[in-house]
């Protein structure tokens, strides 16, 4: 999550070849970026945007399935 418009897309893309070169088993089930994070989180750091919360729930569920396999 970042305040910018691209979220963390550039950083995520930069790390993928490094993880592959290291032989890491990566989950390629999707990416989650939260652009404009200042509007999505409250002062205590809680994710308050319902659409973002649902996207995060689905993302974590997909990763949990990968990790369990």
C-alpha atoms as a PDB file:
ATOM      1  CA  UNK A   1       0.000   0.000   0.000  1.00  0.00           C
ATOM      2  CA  UNK A   2       1.328   3.400  -0.967  1.00  0.00           C
ATOM      3  CA  UNK A   3      -0.026   6.904  -1.307  1.00  0.00           C
ATOM      4  CA  UNK A   4       0.895   6.862  -5.001  1.00  0.00           C
ATOM      5  CA  UNK A   5      -1.182   5.720  -7.964  1.00  0.00           C
ATOM      6  CA  UNK A   6       0.885   2.651  -8.901  1.00  0.00           C
ATOM      7  CA  UNK A   7       0.764   1.036  -5.469  1.00  0.00           C
ATOM      8  CA  UNK A   8       3.742  -1.324  -5.308  1.00  0.00           C
ATOM      9  CA  UNK A   9       3.538  -2.646  -8.885  1.00  0.00           C
ATOM     10  CA  UNK A  10       7.062  -1.600  -9.856  1.00  0.00           C
ATOM     11  CA  UNK A  11       8.662  -3.072  -6.742  1.00  0.00           C
ATOM     12  CA  UNK A  12       6.717  -6.324  -7.063  1.00  0.00           C
ATOM     13  CA  UNK A  13       7.837  -6.666 -10.684  1.00  0.00           C
ATOM     14  CA  UNK A  14      11.457  -5.942  -9.746  1.00  0.00           C
ATOM     15  CA  UNK A  15      11.582  -8.662  -7.083  1.00  0.00           C
ATOM     16  CA  UNK A  16      10.082 -11.486  -9.179  1.00  0.00           C
ATOM     17  CA  UNK A  17      13.224 -12.258 -11.223  1.00  0.00           C
ATOM     18  CA  UNK A  18      15.328 -12.180  -8.061  1.00  0.00           C
ATOM     19  CA  UNK A  19      13.090 -14.706  -6.321  1.00  0.00           C
ATOM     20  CA  UNK A  20      13.164 -16.924  -9.419  1.00  0.00           C
ATOM     21  CA  UNK A  21      16.972 -16.726  -9.620  1.00  0.00           C
ATOM     22  CA  UNK A  22      17.190 -17.764  -5.977  1.00  0.00           C
ATOM     23  CA  UNK A  23      14.969 -20.765  -6.668  1.00  0.00           C
ATOM     24  CA  UNK A  24      12.184 -19.539  -4.420  1.00  0.00           C
ATOM     25  CA  UNK A  25       8.795 -21.127  -4.739  1.00  0.00           C
ATOM     26  CA  UNK A  26       6.578 -18.137  -5.417  1.00  0.00           C
ATOM     27  CA  UNK A  27       2.831 -17.773  -5.455  1.00  0.00           C
ATOM     28  CA  UNK A  28       1.771 -16.319  -8.762  1.00  0.00           C
ATOM     29  CA  UNK A  29      -1.928 -16.251  -7.969  1.00  0.00           C
ATOM     30  CA  UNK A  30      -2.202 -12.516  -8.249  1.00  0.00           C
ATOM     31  CA  UNK A  31      -1.067  -9.190  -6.982  1.00  0.00           C
ATOM     32  CA  UNK A  32      -2.677  -6.792  -4.604  1.00  0.00           C
ATOM     33  CA  UNK A  33      -1.931  -3.100  -4.691  1.00  0.00           C
ATOM     34  CA  UNK A  34      -3.697  -0.492  -2.632  1.00  0.00           C
ATOM     35  CA  UNK A  35      -3.272   2.862  -4.322  1.00  0.00           C
ATOM     36  CA  UNK A  36      -4.115   6.043  -2.459  1.00  0.00           C
ATOM     37  CA  UNK A  37      -3.583   4.327   0.876  1.00  0.00           C
ATOM     38  CA  UNK A  38      -4.161   7.501   2.851  1.00  0.00           C
ATOM     39  CA  UNK A  39      -7.860   7.276   1.961  1.00  0.00           C
ATOM     40  CA  UNK A  40      -8.123   3.541   2.648  1.00  0.00           C
ATOM     41  CA  UNK A  41      -6.782   3.414   6.216  1.00  0.00           C
ATOM     42  CA  UNK A  42      -7.876   5.197   9.369  1.00  0.00           C
ATOM     43  CA  UNK A  43      -5.586   6.941  11.860  1.00  0.00           C
ATOM     44  CA  UNK A  44      -4.956   3.650  13.702  1.00  0.00           C
ATOM     45  CA  UNK A  45      -3.865   1.854  10.525  1.00  0.00           C
ATOM     46  CA  UNK A  46      -7.078  -0.128  10.052  1.00  0.00           C
ATOM     47  CA  UNK A  47      -8.124  -0.844   6.475  1.00  0.00           C
ATOM     48  CA  UNK A  48     -11.557   0.745   6.285  1.00  0.00           C
ATOM     49  CA  UNK A  49     -12.394   0.626   2.559  1.00  0.00           C
ATOM     50  CA  UNK A  50     -14.854  -2.268   1.996  1.00  0.00           C
ATOM     51  CA  UNK A  51     -13.705  -3.031  -1.571  1.00  0.00           C
ATOM     52  CA  UNK A  52     -10.059  -3.123  -0.492  1.00  0.00           C
ATOM     53  CA  UNK A  53     -10.922  -5.314   2.499  1.00  0.00           C
ATOM     54  CA  UNK A  54     -12.659  -7.814   0.210  1.00  0.00           C
ATOM     55  CA  UNK A  55      -9.748  -7.795  -2.254  1.00  0.00           C
ATOM     56  CA  UNK A  56      -7.349  -8.408   0.640  1.00  0.00           C
ATOM     57  CA  UNK A  57      -9.530 -11.239   1.972  1.00  0.00           C
ATOM     58  CA  UNK A  58      -9.495 -12.976  -1.429  1.00  0.00           C
ATOM     59  CA  UNK A  59      -5.764 -12.397  -1.834  1.00  0.00           C
ATOM     60  CA  UNK A  60      -4.950 -13.890   1.564  1.00  0.00           C
ATOM     61  CA  UNK A  61      -7.270 -16.849   0.949  1.00  0.00           C
ATOM     62  CA  UNK A  62      -5.458 -17.588  -2.317  1.00  0.00           C
ATOM     63  CA  UNK A  63      -2.066 -17.387  -0.633  1.00  0.00           C
ATOM     64  CA  UNK A  64      -3.260 -19.599   2.240  1.00  0.00           C
ATOM     65  CA  UNK A  65      -4.341 -22.245  -0.259  1.00  0.00           C
ATOM     66  CA  UNK A  66      -0.912 -22.058  -1.918  1.00  0.00           C
ATOM     67  CA  UNK A  67       0.894 -22.326   1.410  1.00  0.00           C
ATOM     68  CA  UNK A  68      -1.196 -25.308   2.495  1.00  0.00           C
ATOM     69  CA  UNK A  69      -0.451 -27.235  -0.712  1.00  0.00           C
END
